Amino acid sequence: MPIEWTIIPLGAFLAAFVVGAAGFGDALVAAAVWLHFMAPGEAAPLIVMTGLTIHVIAIVKLHKDLEFTHLAPFIGLGILGVPIGTWLLSQIEAGPFRFSVGALLVVYGAGLLAMRHPPVLKAGGKVLDALVGGIGGVLGGLAGMSGAVPAVWCGLRGWPKGQARGVSQPYILVMHVFSLIAMWWAGLVTVETGMRFLWGLPAILIGLAAGIALYRRLNEQLFRKLVLAMLAASGLTLVI
C-alpha cells in the first residue's frame, strides 16, 4: 500500500477536525502532515482544495449558529492583500518572515491563555477591521497564514464564538477560492490532485462531523481557550 493512501486521509481528517472545532487552521495542519511526503507544488493545491471543501461544508452546517455582521470589511481588503503577499515572496526572505510571525503567534496565544481577563479592543470600528483583513490577505499570499490574523483580531475584539467564526470562516473560504484560481492558472491543479482529493474526501466528512460536535459542546470560555491554543500551535509549526 503506498504511504499516501494513509497519509492523505490522515491529513484531511485532522484539517477537517480543527476547522470543525475552531474555525481555522486547516492549511497549517494539512501542511504539517503532507509536506513530509509531497513536494510543495503537489501539496499546495491539495491543501487549498481540501480547505475550500471543509469550509464550504462547515459554513453550510453551522450557518444558523454564525453571525456575519462584521465580515464585509475583512473581505474587501483581504482580496487585495493576497496578490501583494504573493508579490512580496519574490522581494523578501519568506523563511525569516514565517519564523517571526510564528514566534508572535506563540507569544500571543500562550500569553493570553495565561490571562484570566484578556484585553478587549473596542476602538477603530470597520476601518481597523478592514486593515486587519488586508494584513491577513498579505500574510495568506506570503506565508499561508490568512486565517490566523482574523482569529487573533476577533479574540481582541472580544466577539462571542458565533461572531468570531462568522468572520474567520467565510474569510478563509474566500482566500482559498482566490488561491485555488491562481494555482489552477499556474497549472498546479492536475488530475492527480483531484484523485488525491477524492481519496481524502471521506476523512474530511468524518473529521468535520467530529469537530463540529466538539464545537457545539464548547462554551464561550472553552472556545476562546481552544482558539488561543490553536494559534500558539500554528505559530509553533511555523517556527519549527
C-alpha atoms as a PDB file:
ATOM      1  CA  MET A   1       0.000   0.000   0.000  1.00  0.00           C
ATOM      2  CA  PRO A   2       1.514   3.389  -0.962  1.00  0.00           C
ATOM      3  CA  ILE A   3       2.097   5.527   2.114  1.00  0.00           C
ATOM      4  CA  GLU A   4      -0.045   8.333   0.684  1.00  0.00           C
ATOM      5  CA  TRP A   5      -3.088   6.061   0.921  1.00  0.00           C
ATOM      6  CA  THR A   6      -2.942   6.559   4.703  1.00  0.00           C
ATOM      7  CA  ILE A   7      -1.219   9.955   4.861  1.00  0.00           C
ATOM      8  CA  ILE A   8      -3.774  11.777   2.677  1.00  0.00           C
ATOM      9  CA  PRO A   9      -6.813  10.665   4.761  1.00  0.00           C
ATOM     10  CA  LEU A  10      -4.895  11.423   7.976  1.00  0.00           C
ATOM     11  CA  GLY A  11      -4.100  14.986   6.914  1.00  0.00           C
ATOM     12  CA  ALA A  12      -7.637  15.504   5.623  1.00  0.00           C
ATOM     13  CA  PHE A  13      -9.191  14.220   8.854  1.00  0.00           C
ATOM     14  CA  LEU A  14      -7.017  16.389  11.114  1.00  0.00           C
ATOM     15  CA  ALA A  15      -7.543  19.509   8.980  1.00  0.00           C
ATOM     16  CA  ALA A  16     -11.317  18.994   8.975  1.00  0.00           C
ATOM     17  CA  PHE A  17     -11.403  18.312  12.713  1.00  0.00           C
ATOM     18  CA  VAL A  18      -9.602  21.504  13.724  1.00  0.00           C
ATOM     19  CA  VAL A  19     -11.793  23.595  11.404  1.00  0.00           C
ATOM     20  CA  GLY A  20     -14.927  21.960  12.775  1.00  0.00           C
ATOM     21  CA  ALA A  21     -13.828  22.722  16.331  1.00  0.00           C
ATOM     22  CA  ALA A  22     -12.111  26.120  15.980  1.00  0.00           C
ATOM     23  CA  GLY A  23     -12.997  27.502  12.532  1.00  0.00           C
ATOM     24  CA  PHE A  24      -9.469  27.770  11.130  1.00  0.00           C
ATOM     25  CA  GLY A  25      -6.098  26.002  10.966  1.00  0.00           C
ATOM     26  CA  ASP A  26      -6.743  23.590   8.082  1.00  0.00           C
ATOM     27  CA  ALA A  27      -3.831  24.702   5.886  1.00  0.00           C
ATOM     28  CA  LEU A  28      -1.210  24.502   8.630  1.00  0.00           C
ATOM     29  CA  VAL A  29      -2.419  21.148   9.919  1.00  0.00           C
ATOM     30  CA  ALA A  30      -2.603  19.555   6.475  1.00  0.00           C
ATOM     31  CA  ALA A  31       0.770  21.011   5.510  1.00  0.00           C
ATOM     32  CA  ALA A  32       2.355  19.638   8.680  1.00  0.00           C
ATOM     33  CA  VAL A  33       1.334  16.131   7.551  1.00  0.00           C
ATOM     34  CA  TRP A  34       1.518  16.210   3.761  1.00  0.00           C
ATOM     35  CA  LEU A  35       4.691  18.230   3.201  1.00  0.00           C
ATOM     36  CA  HIS A  36       6.709  15.392   4.699  1.00  0.00           C
ATOM     37  CA  PHE A  37       5.669  13.178   1.773  1.00  0.00           C
ATOM     38  CA  MET A  38       4.851  15.531  -1.119  1.00  0.00           C
ATOM     39  CA  ALA A  39       6.653  18.306  -2.923  1.00  0.00           C
ATOM     40  CA  PRO A  40       5.270  21.790  -2.153  1.00  0.00           C
ATOM     41  CA  GLY A  41       3.933  22.143  -5.695  1.00  0.00           C
ATOM     42  CA  GLU A  42       1.928  18.929  -5.242  1.00  0.00           C
ATOM     43  CA  ALA A  43       0.798  19.565  -1.675  1.00  0.00           C
ATOM     44  CA  ALA A  44      -0.269  23.216  -2.005  1.00  0.00           C
ATOM     45  CA  PRO A  45      -3.214  22.740  -4.413  1.00  0.00           C
ATOM     46  CA  LEU A  46      -4.385  19.688  -2.455  1.00  0.00           C
ATOM     47  CA  ILE A  47      -4.240  21.702   0.786  1.00  0.00           C
ATOM     48  CA  VAL A  48      -6.256  24.552  -0.733  1.00  0.00           C
ATOM     49  CA  MET A  49      -8.813  22.256  -2.401  1.00  0.00           C
ATOM     50  CA  THR A  50      -9.275  20.329   0.844  1.00  0.00           C
ATOM     51  CA  GLY A  51      -9.581  23.507   2.901  1.00  0.00           C
ATOM     52  CA  LEU A  52     -12.070  25.014   0.487  1.00  0.00           C
ATOM     53  CA  THR A  53     -14.297  21.942   0.753  1.00  0.00           C
ATOM     54  CA  ILE A  54     -14.015  21.865   4.543  1.00  0.00           C
ATOM     55  CA  HIS A  55     -15.056  25.494   4.947  1.00  0.00           C
ATOM     56  CA  VAL A  56     -17.959  25.240   2.497  1.00  0.00           C
ATOM     57  CA  ILE A  57     -19.415  22.252   4.336  1.00  0.00           C
ATOM     58  CA  ALA A  58     -18.771  23.777   7.765  1.00  0.00           C
ATOM     59  CA  ILE A  59     -20.479  27.050   6.875  1.00  0.00           C
ATOM     60  CA  VAL A  60     -23.487  25.202   5.445  1.00  0.00           C
ATOM     61  CA  LYS A  61     -23.800  23.099   8.601  1.00  0.00           C
ATOM     62  CA  LEU A  62     -23.266  25.986  11.028  1.00  0.00           C
ATOM     63  CA  HIS A  63     -24.861  28.906   9.187  1.00  0.00           C
ATOM     64  CA  LYS A  64     -27.681  29.189  11.736  1.00  0.00           C
ATOM     65  CA  ASP A  65     -25.105  29.466  14.543  1.00  0.00           C
ATOM     66  CA  LEU A  66     -22.919  32.076  12.832  1.00  0.00           C
ATOM     67  CA  GLU A  67     -23.291  35.843  12.672  1.00  0.00           C
ATOM     68  CA  PHE A  68     -21.822  37.545   9.582  1.00  0.00           C
ATOM     69  CA  THR A  69     -22.338  41.159  10.708  1.00  0.00           C
ATOM     70  CA  HIS A  70     -18.637  42.056  10.811  1.00  0.00           C
ATOM     71  CA  LEU A  71     -17.480  40.124   7.750  1.00  0.00           C
ATOM     72  CA  ALA A  72     -17.649  42.616   4.846  1.00  0.00           C
ATOM     73  CA  PRO A  73     -14.734  44.938   5.794  1.00  0.00           C
ATOM     74  CA  PHE A  74     -12.369  41.971   6.168  1.00  0.00           C
ATOM     75  CA  ILE A  75     -13.168  40.523   2.744  1.00  0.00           C
ATOM     76  CA  GLY A  76     -12.631  43.691   0.687  1.00  0.00           C
ATOM     77  CA  LEU A  77      -9.010  44.425   1.582  1.00  0.00           C
ATOM     78  CA  GLY A  78      -8.272  40.730   2.137  1.00  0.00           C
ATOM     79  CA  ILE A  79      -8.807  40.019  -1.567  1.00  0.00           C
ATOM     80  CA  LEU A  80      -6.451  42.868  -2.477  1.00  0.00           C
ATOM     81  CA  GLY A  81      -3.861  41.644   0.004  1.00  0.00           C
ATOM     82  CA  VAL A  82      -3.384  38.150  -1.476  1.00  0.00           C
ATOM     83  CA  PRO A  83      -1.579  39.209  -4.702  1.00  0.00           C
ATOM     84  CA  ILE A  84       0.501  41.691  -2.696  1.00  0.00           C
ATOM     85  CA  GLY A  85       1.673  38.882  -0.434  1.00  0.00           C
ATOM     86  CA  THR A  86       2.435  36.679  -3.423  1.00  0.00           C
ATOM     87  CA  TRP A  87       4.471  39.504  -4.983  1.00  0.00           C
ATOM     88  CA  LEU A  88       6.368  40.004  -1.716  1.00  0.00           C
ATOM     89  CA  LEU A  89       7.523  36.375  -1.894  1.00  0.00           C
ATOM     90  CA  SER A  90       9.983  37.447  -4.585  1.00  0.00           C
ATOM     91  CA  GLN A  91      11.096  40.530  -2.654  1.00  0.00           C
ATOM     92  CA  ILE A  92      11.830  39.303   0.879  1.00  0.00           C
ATOM     93  CA  GLU A  93      13.058  36.161   2.584  1.00  0.00           C
ATOM     94  CA  ALA A  94       9.912  34.176   3.376  1.00  0.00           C
ATOM     95  CA  GLY A  95      11.660  31.854   5.861  1.00  0.00           C
ATOM     96  CA  PRO A  96      12.636  34.511   8.451  1.00  0.00           C
ATOM     97  CA  PHE A  97       9.262  36.173   7.961  1.00  0.00           C
ATOM     98  CA  ARG A  98       7.387  32.945   8.720  1.00  0.00           C
ATOM     99  CA  PHE A  99       9.591  32.440  11.783  1.00  0.00           C
ATOM    100  CA  SER A 100       8.788  35.935  13.062  1.00  0.00           C
ATOM    101  CA  VAL A 101       5.041  35.521  12.522  1.00  0.00           C
ATOM    102  CA  GLY A 102       5.165  32.105  14.193  1.00  0.00           C
ATOM    103  CA  ALA A 103       7.016  33.457  17.221  1.00  0.00           C
ATOM    104  CA  LEU A 104       4.450  36.260  17.616  1.00  0.00           C
ATOM    105  CA  LEU A 105       1.579  33.761  17.462  1.00  0.00           C
ATOM    106  CA  VAL A 106       3.218  31.569  20.114  1.00  0.00           C
ATOM    107  CA  VAL A 107       3.697  34.554  22.427  1.00  0.00           C
ATOM    108  CA  TYR A 108       0.184  35.854  21.773  1.00  0.00           C
ATOM    109  CA  GLY A 109      -1.602  32.522  22.138  1.00  0.00           C
ATOM    110  CA  ALA A 110       0.338  31.318  25.163  1.00  0.00           C
ATOM    111  CA  GLY A 111       0.307  34.754  26.800  1.00  0.00           C
ATOM    112  CA  LEU A 112      -3.436  35.247  26.575  1.00  0.00           C
ATOM    113  CA  LEU A 113      -4.072  31.684  27.694  1.00  0.00           C
ATOM    114  CA  ALA A 114      -2.314  32.622  30.935  1.00  0.00           C
ATOM    115  CA  MET A 115      -4.563  35.679  31.460  1.00  0.00           C
ATOM    116  CA  ARG A 116      -7.836  35.365  33.320  1.00  0.00           C
ATOM    117  CA  HIS A 117      -9.182  38.585  31.838  1.00  0.00           C
ATOM    118  CA  PRO A 118      -7.645  39.224  28.388  1.00  0.00           C
ATOM    119  CA  PRO A 119      -7.798  42.756  26.957  1.00  0.00           C
ATOM    120  CA  VAL A 120     -10.729  43.749  24.729  1.00  0.00           C
ATOM    121  CA  LEU A 121     -10.245  46.312  21.955  1.00  0.00           C
ATOM    122  CA  LYS A 122     -13.360  48.320  21.067  1.00  0.00           C
ATOM    123  CA  ALA A 123     -11.806  51.207  19.104  1.00  0.00           C
ATOM    124  CA  GLY A 124     -11.253  51.505  15.362  1.00  0.00           C
ATOM    125  CA  GLY A 125     -14.506  50.072  14.055  1.00  0.00           C
ATOM    126  CA  LYS A 126     -14.763  48.899  10.468  1.00  0.00           C
ATOM    127  CA  VAL A 127     -11.626  50.791   9.397  1.00  0.00           C
ATOM    128  CA  LEU A 128      -9.383  48.666  11.609  1.00  0.00           C
ATOM    129  CA  ASP A 129     -11.375  45.546  10.724  1.00  0.00           C
ATOM    130  CA  ALA A 130     -10.680  46.201   7.018  1.00  0.00           C
ATOM    131  CA  LEU A 131      -7.000  46.840   7.709  1.00  0.00           C
ATOM    132  CA  VAL A 132      -6.727  43.540   9.562  1.00  0.00           C
ATOM    133  CA  GLY A 133      -8.424  41.803   6.628  1.00  0.00           C
ATOM    134  CA  GLY A 134      -5.823  43.292   4.284  1.00  0.00           C
ATOM    135  CA  ILE A 135      -2.970  42.156   6.520  1.00  0.00           C
ATOM    136  CA  GLY A 136      -4.469  38.671   6.611  1.00  0.00           C
ATOM    137  CA  GLY A 137      -4.610  38.610   2.817  1.00  0.00           C
ATOM    138  CA  VAL A 138      -0.958  39.653   2.568  1.00  0.00           C
ATOM    139  CA  LEU A 139       0.091  37.016   5.081  1.00  0.00           C
ATOM    140  CA  GLY A 140      -2.001  34.462   3.206  1.00  0.00           C
ATOM    141  CA  GLY A 141      -0.195  35.189  -0.047  1.00  0.00           C
ATOM    142  CA  LEU A 142       3.180  35.301   1.665  1.00  0.00           C
ATOM    143  CA  ALA A 143       3.053  32.611   4.332  1.00  0.00           C
ATOM    144  CA  GLY A 144      -0.285  30.786   4.100  1.00  0.00           C
ATOM    145  CA  MET A 145      -1.444  32.453   7.321  1.00  0.00           C
ATOM    146  CA  SER A 146      -4.631  34.246   6.247  1.00  0.00           C
ATOM    147  CA  GLY A 147      -6.782  32.530   8.884  1.00  0.00           C
ATOM    148  CA  ALA A 148      -4.653  33.316  11.928  1.00  0.00           C
ATOM    149  CA  VAL A 149      -4.901  37.103  11.609  1.00  0.00           C
ATOM    150  CA  PRO A 150      -8.714  37.420  11.764  1.00  0.00           C
ATOM    151  CA  ALA A 151      -8.738  34.793  14.528  1.00  0.00           C
ATOM    152  CA  VAL A 152      -6.361  36.943  16.589  1.00  0.00           C
ATOM    153  CA  TRP A 153      -8.392  40.074  15.865  1.00  0.00           C
ATOM    154  CA  CYS A 154     -11.748  38.506  16.728  1.00  0.00           C
ATOM    155  CA  GLY A 155     -10.233  37.483  20.062  1.00  0.00           C
ATOM    156  CA  LEU A 156      -9.022  41.021  20.728  1.00  0.00           C
ATOM    157  CA  ARG A 157     -12.480  42.347  19.841  1.00  0.00           C
ATOM    158  CA  GLY A 158     -13.999  40.015  22.424  1.00  0.00           C
ATOM    159  CA  TRP A 159     -16.615  38.742  19.979  1.00  0.00           C
ATOM    160  CA  PRO A 160     -18.523  35.588  21.002  1.00  0.00           C
ATOM    161  CA  LYS A 161     -17.803  32.394  19.127  1.00  0.00           C
ATOM    162  CA  GLY A 162     -20.682  32.776  16.641  1.00  0.00           C
ATOM    163  CA  GLN A 163     -19.472  36.208  15.575  1.00  0.00           C
ATOM    164  CA  ALA A 164     -15.811  35.152  15.538  1.00  0.00           C
ATOM    165  CA  ARG A 165     -16.483  32.188  13.270  1.00  0.00           C
ATOM    166  CA  GLY A 166     -18.837  34.310  11.188  1.00  0.00           C
ATOM    167  CA  VAL A 167     -15.767  36.378  10.275  1.00  0.00           C
ATOM    168  CA  SER A 168     -12.855  33.951  10.170  1.00  0.00           C
ATOM    169  CA  GLN A 169     -14.511  31.033   8.395  1.00  0.00           C
ATOM    170  CA  PRO A 170     -16.041  32.852   5.364  1.00  0.00           C
ATOM    171  CA  TYR A 171     -12.885  34.980   5.169  1.00  0.00           C
ATOM    172  CA  ILE A 172     -10.669  31.900   4.863  1.00  0.00           C
ATOM    173  CA  LEU A 173     -13.104  30.410   2.336  1.00  0.00           C
ATOM    174  CA  VAL A 174     -12.768  33.444   0.056  1.00  0.00           C
ATOM    175  CA  MET A 175      -8.960  33.389   0.375  1.00  0.00           C
ATOM    176  CA  HIS A 176      -8.973  29.694  -0.586  1.00  0.00           C
ATOM    177  CA  VAL A 177     -11.103  30.408  -3.658  1.00  0.00           C
ATOM    178  CA  PHE A 178      -8.660  33.014  -4.948  1.00  0.00           C
ATOM    179  CA  SER A 179      -5.656  30.821  -4.106  1.00  0.00           C
ATOM    180  CA  LEU A 180      -7.126  27.850  -5.968  1.00  0.00           C
ATOM    181  CA  ILE A 181      -7.857  30.006  -9.025  1.00  0.00           C
ATOM    182  CA  ALA A 182      -4.258  31.254  -9.008  1.00  0.00           C
ATOM    183  CA  MET A 183      -2.894  27.691  -8.690  1.00  0.00           C
ATOM    184  CA  TRP A 184      -5.139  26.443 -11.479  1.00  0.00           C
ATOM    185  CA  TRP A 185      -3.967  29.322 -13.679  1.00  0.00           C
ATOM    186  CA  ALA A 186      -0.373  28.344 -12.902  1.00  0.00           C
ATOM    187  CA  GLY A 187      -1.037  24.715 -13.928  1.00  0.00           C
ATOM    188  CA  LEU A 188      -0.579  23.258 -10.435  1.00  0.00           C
ATOM    189  CA  VAL A 189      -4.057  21.673 -10.230  1.00  0.00           C
ATOM    190  CA  THR A 190      -3.806  18.327 -12.028  1.00  0.00           C
ATOM    191  CA  VAL A 191      -5.780  15.124 -12.434  1.00  0.00           C
ATOM    192  CA  GLU A 192      -3.608  13.585  -9.717  1.00  0.00           C
ATOM    193  CA  THR A 193      -4.595  16.437  -7.394  1.00  0.00           C
ATOM    194  CA  GLY A 194      -8.242  15.590  -7.996  1.00  0.00           C
ATOM    195  CA  MET A 195      -7.684  11.871  -7.364  1.00  0.00           C
ATOM    196  CA  ARG A 196      -5.869  12.567  -4.096  1.00  0.00           C
ATOM    197  CA  PHE A 197      -8.634  14.933  -3.039  1.00  0.00           C
ATOM    198  CA  LEU A 198     -11.320  12.309  -3.685  1.00  0.00           C
ATOM    199  CA  TRP A 199      -9.312   9.771  -1.694  1.00  0.00           C
ATOM    200  CA  GLY A 200      -9.313  12.112   1.310  1.00  0.00           C
ATOM    201  CA  LEU A 201     -12.968  13.197   0.994  1.00  0.00           C
ATOM    202  CA  PRO A 202     -14.470  10.568   3.359  1.00  0.00           C
ATOM    203  CA  ALA A 203     -11.915  11.573   6.012  1.00  0.00           C
ATOM    204  CA  ILE A 204     -12.938  15.229   5.546  1.00  0.00           C
ATOM    205  CA  LEU A 205     -16.581  14.383   6.249  1.00  0.00           C
ATOM    206  CA  ILE A 206     -15.756  12.286   9.323  1.00  0.00           C
ATOM    207  CA  GLY A 207     -13.278  14.802  10.759  1.00  0.00           C
ATOM    208  CA  LEU A 208     -15.623  17.729  10.219  1.00  0.00           C
ATOM    209  CA  ALA A 209     -18.538  15.952  11.898  1.00  0.00           C
ATOM    210  CA  ALA A 210     -16.343  15.180  14.921  1.00  0.00           C
ATOM    211  CA  GLY A 211     -15.001  18.737  15.111  1.00  0.00           C
ATOM    212  CA  ILE A 212     -18.436  20.380  14.851  1.00  0.00           C
ATOM    213  CA  ALA A 213     -19.763  18.053  17.544  1.00  0.00           C
ATOM    214  CA  LEU A 214     -16.962  19.277  19.828  1.00  0.00           C
ATOM    215  CA  TYR A 215     -17.590  22.926  18.898  1.00  0.00           C
ATOM    216  CA  ARG A 216     -21.245  22.693  19.889  1.00  0.00           C
ATOM    217  CA  ARG A 217     -20.236  21.419  23.318  1.00  0.00           C
ATOM    218  CA  LEU A 218     -17.885  24.334  23.989  1.00  0.00           C
ATOM    219  CA  ASN A 219     -18.969  27.354  25.997  1.00  0.00           C
ATOM    220  CA  GLU A 220     -17.504  30.793  25.217  1.00  0.00           C
ATOM    221  CA  GLN A 221     -14.580  30.414  27.616  1.00  0.00           C
ATOM    222  CA  LEU A 222     -13.559  26.990  26.354  1.00  0.00           C
ATOM    223  CA  PHE A 223     -13.884  28.129  22.745  1.00  0.00           C
ATOM    224  CA  ARG A 224     -11.593  31.093  23.466  1.00  0.00           C
ATOM    225  CA  LYS A 225      -9.009  28.786  25.048  1.00  0.00           C
ATOM    226  CA  LEU A 226      -9.194  26.399  22.101  1.00  0.00           C
ATOM    227  CA  VAL A 227      -8.610  29.227  19.614  1.00  0.00           C
ATOM    228  CA  LEU A 228      -5.650  30.576  21.607  1.00  0.00           C
ATOM    229  CA  ALA A 229      -4.147  27.089  21.857  1.00  0.00           C
ATOM    230  CA  MET A 230      -4.613  26.644  18.104  1.00  0.00           C
ATOM    231  CA  LEU A 231      -2.899  29.964  17.421  1.00  0.00           C
ATOM    232  CA  ALA A 232       0.040  29.034  19.636  1.00  0.00           C
ATOM    233  CA  ALA A 233       0.304  25.603  17.980  1.00  0.00           C
ATOM    234  CA  SER A 234       0.097  27.185  14.498  1.00  0.00           C
ATOM    235  CA  GLY A 235       2.881  29.580  15.432  1.00  0.00           C
ATOM    236  CA  LEU A 236       4.999  26.740  16.768  1.00  0.00           C
ATOM    237  CA  THR A 237       4.513  24.878  13.484  1.00  0.00           C
ATOM    238  CA  LEU A 238       5.858  27.878  11.571  1.00  0.00           C
ATOM    239  CA  VAL A 239       8.786  28.275  13.948  1.00  0.00           C
ATOM    240  CA  ILE A 240       9.777  24.620  13.663  1.00  0.00           C
END
